[in-house]
Amino acid sequence: MRGLWWWITSVMGDHDYDRYVAHLARHHPGQEPPTVRQYWKDRHAEADRNPGARCC
């Protein structure tokens, strides 16, 4: 059950912010990470600018 929950939350993007912050720490030390709110705002704005292969 725990594995299923991890998979569902991963598909929904629940871990994306944490992975992004870890990436910044590894590859851009000293750069201040955005807030969770700002991260999602920027991510949705980018998806709207570049829709790519989305279903909707």
PDB file of N, CA and C in Angstrom:
ATOM      1  N   MET A   1       0.815  -1.195   0.000  1.00  0.00           N
ATOM      2  CA  MET A   1       0.000   0.000   0.000  1.00  0.00           C
ATOM      3  C   MET A   1       0.864   1.267   0.000  1.00  0.00           C
ATOM      4  N   ARG A   2       1.949   1.243   0.746  1.00  0.00           N
ATOM      5  CA  ARG A   2       2.839   2.404   0.817  1.00  0.00           C
ATOM      6  C   ARG A   2       3.453   2.703  -0.554  1.00  0.00           C
ATOM      7  N   GLY A   3       3.843   1.639  -1.261  1.00  0.00           N
ATOM      8  CA  GLY A   3       4.407   1.818  -2.592  1.00  0.00           C
ATOM      9  C   GLY A   3       3.404   2.409  -3.563  1.00  0.00           C
ATOM     10  N   LEU A   4       2.177   1.970  -3.467  1.00  0.00           N
ATOM     11  CA  LEU A   4       1.124   2.510  -4.324  1.00  0.00           C
ATOM     12  C   LEU A   4       0.911   3.988  -4.031  1.00  0.00           C
ATOM     13  N   TRP A   5       0.880   4.351  -2.777  1.00  0.00           N
ATOM     14  CA  TRP A   5       0.703   5.753  -2.407  1.00  0.00           C
ATOM     15  C   TRP A   5       1.863   6.602  -2.926  1.00  0.00           C
ATOM     16  N   TRP A   6       3.093   6.089  -2.798  1.00  0.00           N
ATOM     17  CA  TRP A   6       4.261   6.817  -3.316  1.00  0.00           C
ATOM     18  C   TRP A   6       4.119   7.034  -4.819  1.00  0.00           C
ATOM     19  N   TRP A   7       3.696   5.998  -5.549  1.00  0.00           N
ATOM     20  CA  TRP A   7       3.553   6.093  -6.996  1.00  0.00           C
ATOM     21  C   TRP A   7       2.489   7.131  -7.369  1.00  0.00           C
ATOM     22  N   ILE A   8       1.348   7.094  -6.713  1.00  0.00           N
ATOM     23  CA  ILE A   8       0.269   8.031  -7.012  1.00  0.00           C
ATOM     24  C   ILE A   8       0.726   9.471  -6.765  1.00  0.00           C
ATOM     25  N   THR A   9       1.360   9.709  -5.632  1.00  0.00           N
ATOM     26  CA  THR A   9       1.797  11.078  -5.338  1.00  0.00           C
ATOM     27  C   THR A   9       2.921  11.508  -6.284  1.00  0.00           C
ATOM     28  N   SER A  10       3.734  10.579  -6.748  1.00  0.00           N
ATOM     29  CA  SER A  10       4.777  10.920  -7.716  1.00  0.00           C
ATOM     30  C   SER A  10       4.174  11.310  -9.051  1.00  0.00           C
ATOM     31  N   VAL A  11       3.188  10.556  -9.492  1.00  0.00           N
ATOM     32  CA  VAL A  11       2.525  10.862 -10.759  1.00  0.00           C
ATOM     33  C   VAL A  11       1.835  12.223 -10.695  1.00  0.00           C
ATOM     34  N   MET A  12       1.288  12.552  -9.555  1.00  0.00           N
ATOM     35  CA  MET A  12       0.582  13.819  -9.397  1.00  0.00           C
ATOM     36  C   MET A  12       1.538  15.002  -9.208  1.00  0.00           C
ATOM     37  N   GLY A  13       2.828  14.740  -9.030  1.00  0.00           N
ATOM     38  CA  GLY A  13       3.814  15.817  -8.909  1.00  0.00           C
ATOM     39  C   GLY A  13       4.085  16.271  -7.498  1.00  0.00           C
ATOM     40  N   ASP A  14       3.650  15.511  -6.520  1.00  0.00           N
ATOM     41  CA  ASP A  14       3.831  15.931  -5.127  1.00  0.00           C
ATOM     42  C   ASP A  14       5.295  16.034  -4.711  1.00  0.00           C
ATOM     43  N   HIS A  15       6.178  15.307  -5.372  1.00  0.00           N
ATOM     44  CA  HIS A  15       7.595  15.293  -4.995  1.00  0.00           C
ATOM     45  C   HIS A  15       8.432  16.231  -5.859  1.00  0.00           C
ATOM     46  N   ASP A  16       7.826  16.896  -6.820  1.00  0.00           N
ATOM     47  CA  ASP A  16       8.571  17.715  -7.773  1.00  0.00           C
ATOM     48  C   ASP A  16       9.309  18.874  -7.112  1.00  0.00           C
ATOM     49  N   TYR A  17       8.664  19.563  -6.198  1.00  0.00           N
ATOM     50  CA  TYR A  17       9.319  20.698  -5.550  1.00  0.00           C
ATOM     51  C   TYR A  17      10.538  20.239  -4.754  1.00  0.00           C
ATOM     52  N   ASP A  18      10.392  19.156  -4.005  1.00  0.00           N
ATOM     53  CA  ASP A  18      11.522  18.641  -3.218  1.00  0.00           C
ATOM     54  C   ASP A  18      12.685  18.247  -4.119  1.00  0.00           C
ATOM     55  N   ARG A  19      12.383  17.621  -5.252  1.00  0.00           N
ATOM     56  CA  ARG A  19      13.446  17.256  -6.195  1.00  0.00           C
ATOM     57  C   ARG A  19      14.102  18.489  -6.778  1.00  0.00           C
ATOM     58  N   TYR A  20      13.316  19.517  -7.066  1.00  0.00           N
ATOM     59  CA  TYR A  20      13.871  20.754  -7.614  1.00  0.00           C
ATOM     60  C   TYR A  20      14.797  21.432  -6.603  1.00  0.00           C
ATOM     61  N   VAL A  21      14.387  21.489  -5.362  1.00  0.00           N
ATOM     62  CA  VAL A  21      15.223  22.099  -4.320  1.00  0.00           C
ATOM     63  C   VAL A  21      16.523  21.301  -4.155  1.00  0.00           C
ATOM     64  N   ALA A  22      16.434  19.971  -4.206  1.00  0.00           N
ATOM     65  CA  ALA A  22      17.644  19.146  -4.118  1.00  0.00           C
ATOM     66  C   ALA A  22      18.556  19.399  -5.318  1.00  0.00           C
ATOM     67  N   HIS A  23      17.978  19.555  -6.504  1.00  0.00           N
ATOM     68  CA  HIS A  23      18.763  19.866  -7.702  1.00  0.00           C
ATOM     69  C   HIS A  23      19.488  21.195  -7.534  1.00  0.00           C
ATOM     70  N   LEU A  24      18.775  22.212  -7.055  1.00  0.00           N
ATOM     71  CA  LEU A  24      19.407  23.513  -6.849  1.00  0.00           C
ATOM     72  C   LEU A  24      20.570  23.413  -5.862  1.00  0.00           C
ATOM     73  N   ALA A  25      20.374  22.663  -4.798  1.00  0.00           N
ATOM     74  CA  ALA A  25      21.432  22.524  -3.789  1.00  0.00           C
ATOM     75  C   ALA A  25      22.672  21.847  -4.371  1.00  0.00           C
ATOM     76  N   ARG A  26      22.457  20.844  -5.237  1.00  0.00           N
ATOM     77  CA  ARG A  26      23.584  20.123  -5.842  1.00  0.00           C
ATOM     78  C   ARG A  26      24.281  20.923  -6.931  1.00  0.00           C
ATOM     79  N   HIS A  27      23.513  21.523  -7.821  1.00  0.00           N
ATOM     80  CA  HIS A  27      24.083  22.123  -9.019  1.00  0.00           C
ATOM     81  C   HIS A  27      24.213  23.640  -8.972  1.00  0.00           C
ATOM     82  N   HIS A  28      23.531  24.287  -8.069  1.00  0.00           N
ATOM     83  CA  HIS A  28      23.566  25.740  -7.955  1.00  0.00           C
ATOM     84  C   HIS A  28      23.637  26.142  -6.484  1.00  0.00           C
ATOM     85  N   PRO A  29      24.696  25.706  -5.796  1.00  0.00           N
ATOM     86  CA  PRO A  29      24.778  26.030  -4.362  1.00  0.00           C
ATOM     87  C   PRO A  29      24.796  27.544  -4.151  1.00  0.00           C
ATOM     88  N   GLY A  30      24.129  27.959  -3.136  1.00  0.00           N
ATOM     89  CA  GLY A  30      24.061  29.375  -2.817  1.00  0.00           C
ATOM     90  C   GLY A  30      22.868  30.083  -3.437  1.00  0.00           C
ATOM     91  N   GLN A  31      22.232  29.447  -4.426  1.00  0.00           N
ATOM     92  CA  GLN A  31      21.036  30.055  -5.031  1.00  0.00           C
ATOM     93  C   GLN A  31      19.835  29.782  -4.135  1.00  0.00           C
ATOM     94  N   GLU A  32      19.119  30.824  -3.830  1.00  0.00           N
ATOM     95  CA  GLU A  32      17.948  30.709  -2.962  1.00  0.00           C
ATOM     96  C   GLU A  32      16.816  30.012  -3.715  1.00  0.00           C
ATOM     97  N   PRO A  33      16.287  28.911  -3.173  1.00  0.00           N
ATOM     98  CA  PRO A  33      15.173  28.251  -3.862  1.00  0.00           C
ATOM     99  C   PRO A  33      13.897  29.078  -3.742  1.00  0.00           C
ATOM    100  N   PRO A  34      13.028  28.962  -4.730  1.00  0.00           N
ATOM    101  CA  PRO A  34      11.755  29.681  -4.641  1.00  0.00           C
ATOM    102  C   PRO A  34      10.871  29.060  -3.569  1.00  0.00           C
ATOM    103  N   THR A  35       9.870  29.789  -3.165  1.00  0.00           N
ATOM    104  CA  THR A  35       8.896  29.215  -2.242  1.00  0.00           C
ATOM    105  C   THR A  35       8.088  28.156  -2.997  1.00  0.00           C
ATOM    106  N   VAL A  36       7.402  27.319  -2.279  1.00  0.00           N
ATOM    107  CA  VAL A  36       6.563  26.302  -2.915  1.00  0.00           C
ATOM    108  C   VAL A  36       5.543  26.971  -3.821  1.00  0.00           C
ATOM    109  N   ARG A  37       4.941  28.015  -3.321  1.00  0.00           N
ATOM    110  CA  ARG A  37       3.923  28.730  -4.096  1.00  0.00           C
ATOM    111  C   ARG A  37       4.508  29.303  -5.384  1.00  0.00           C
ATOM    112  N   GLN A  38       5.676  29.933  -5.287  1.00  0.00           N
ATOM    113  CA  GLN A  38       6.302  30.520  -6.462  1.00  0.00           C
ATOM    114  C   GLN A  38       6.737  29.444  -7.444  1.00  0.00           C
ATOM    115  N   TYR A  39       7.231  28.316  -6.949  1.00  0.00           N
ATOM    116  CA  TYR A  39       7.631  27.207  -7.813  1.00  0.00           C
ATOM    117  C   TYR A  39       6.456  26.745  -8.678  1.00  0.00           C
ATOM    118  N   TRP A  40       5.311  26.507  -8.054  1.00  0.00           N
ATOM    119  CA  TRP A  40       4.149  26.015  -8.801  1.00  0.00           C
ATOM    120  C   TRP A  40       3.594  27.095  -9.727  1.00  0.00           C
ATOM    121  N   LYS A  41       3.631  28.339  -9.303  1.00  0.00           N
ATOM    122  CA  LYS A  41       3.162  29.430 -10.163  1.00  0.00           C
ATOM    123  C   LYS A  41       4.016  29.495 -11.426  1.00  0.00           C
ATOM    124  N   ASP A  42       5.330  29.446 -11.259  1.00  0.00           N
ATOM    125  CA  ASP A  42       6.237  29.481 -12.409  1.00  0.00           C
ATOM    126  C   ASP A  42       6.069  28.246 -13.294  1.00  0.00           C
ATOM    127  N   ARG A  43       5.907  27.104 -12.674  1.00  0.00           N
ATOM    128  CA  ARG A  43       5.763  25.868 -13.442  1.00  0.00           C
ATOM    129  C   ARG A  43       4.483  25.873 -14.286  1.00  0.00           C
ATOM    130  N   HIS A  44       3.386  26.326 -13.714  1.00  0.00           N
ATOM    131  CA  HIS A  44       2.140  26.389 -14.479  1.00  0.00           C
ATOM    132  C   HIS A  44       2.211  27.454 -15.571  1.00  0.00           C
ATOM    133  N   ALA A  45       2.858  28.566 -15.299  1.00  0.00           N
ATOM    134  CA  ALA A  45       3.013  29.604 -16.315  1.00  0.00           C
ATOM    135  C   ALA A  45       3.845  29.076 -17.485  1.00  0.00           C
ATOM    136  N   GLU A  46       4.896  28.336 -17.194  1.00  0.00           N
ATOM    137  CA  GLU A  46       5.731  27.743 -18.249  1.00  0.00           C
ATOM    138  C   GLU A  46       4.940  26.729 -19.066  1.00  0.00           C
ATOM    139  N   ALA A  47       4.120  25.935 -18.414  1.00  0.00           N
ATOM    140  CA  ALA A  47       3.298  24.949 -19.127  1.00  0.00           C
ATOM    141  C   ALA A  47       2.274  25.651 -20.022  1.00  0.00           C
ATOM    142  N   ASP A  48       1.768  26.788 -19.599  1.00  0.00           N
ATOM    143  CA  ASP A  48       0.827  27.540 -20.429  1.00  0.00           C
ATOM    144  C   ASP A  48       1.525  28.161 -21.637  1.00  0.00           C
ATOM    145  N   ARG A  49       2.775  28.616 -21.448  1.00  0.00           N
ATOM    146  CA  ARG A  49       3.531  29.208 -22.558  1.00  0.00           C
ATOM    147  C   ARG A  49       3.949  28.153 -23.569  1.00  0.00           C
ATOM    148  N   ASN A  50       4.292  26.966 -23.094  1.00  0.00           N
ATOM    149  CA  ASN A  50       4.789  25.884 -23.949  1.00  0.00           C
ATOM    150  C   ASN A  50       3.981  24.623 -23.684  1.00  0.00           C
ATOM    151  N   PRO A  51       2.803  24.502 -24.268  1.00  0.00           N
ATOM    152  CA  PRO A  51       1.924  23.373 -23.929  1.00  0.00           C
ATOM    153  C   PRO A  51       2.485  22.002 -24.273  1.00  0.00           C
ATOM    154  N   GLY A  52       3.274  21.880 -25.310  1.00  0.00           N
ATOM    155  CA  GLY A  52       3.846  20.577 -25.653  1.00  0.00           C
ATOM    156  C   GLY A  52       2.774  19.529 -25.906  1.00  0.00           C
ATOM    157  N   ALA A  53       3.028  18.337 -25.454  1.00  0.00           N
ATOM    158  CA  ALA A  53       2.096  17.223 -25.686  1.00  0.00           C
ATOM    159  C   ALA A  53       1.223  17.010 -24.460  1.00  0.00           C
ATOM    160  N   ARG A  54       0.186  17.798 -24.345  1.00  0.00           N
ATOM    161  CA  ARG A  54      -0.762  17.631 -23.250  1.00  0.00           C
ATOM    162  C   ARG A  54      -2.089  17.165 -23.822  1.00  0.00           C
ATOM    163  N   CYS A  55      -2.874  16.551 -23.019  1.00  0.00           N
ATOM    164  CA  CYS A  55      -4.162  16.063 -23.488  1.00  0.00           C
ATOM    165  C   CYS A  55      -5.185  17.178 -23.608  1.00  0.00           C
ATOM    166  N   CYS A  56      -5.012  18.264 -22.844  1.00  0.00           N
ATOM    167  CA  CYS A  56      -6.030  19.315 -22.820  1.00  0.00           C
ATOM    168  C   CYS A  56      -5.474  20.650 -23.257  1.00  0.00           C
TER     169      CYS A  56
END
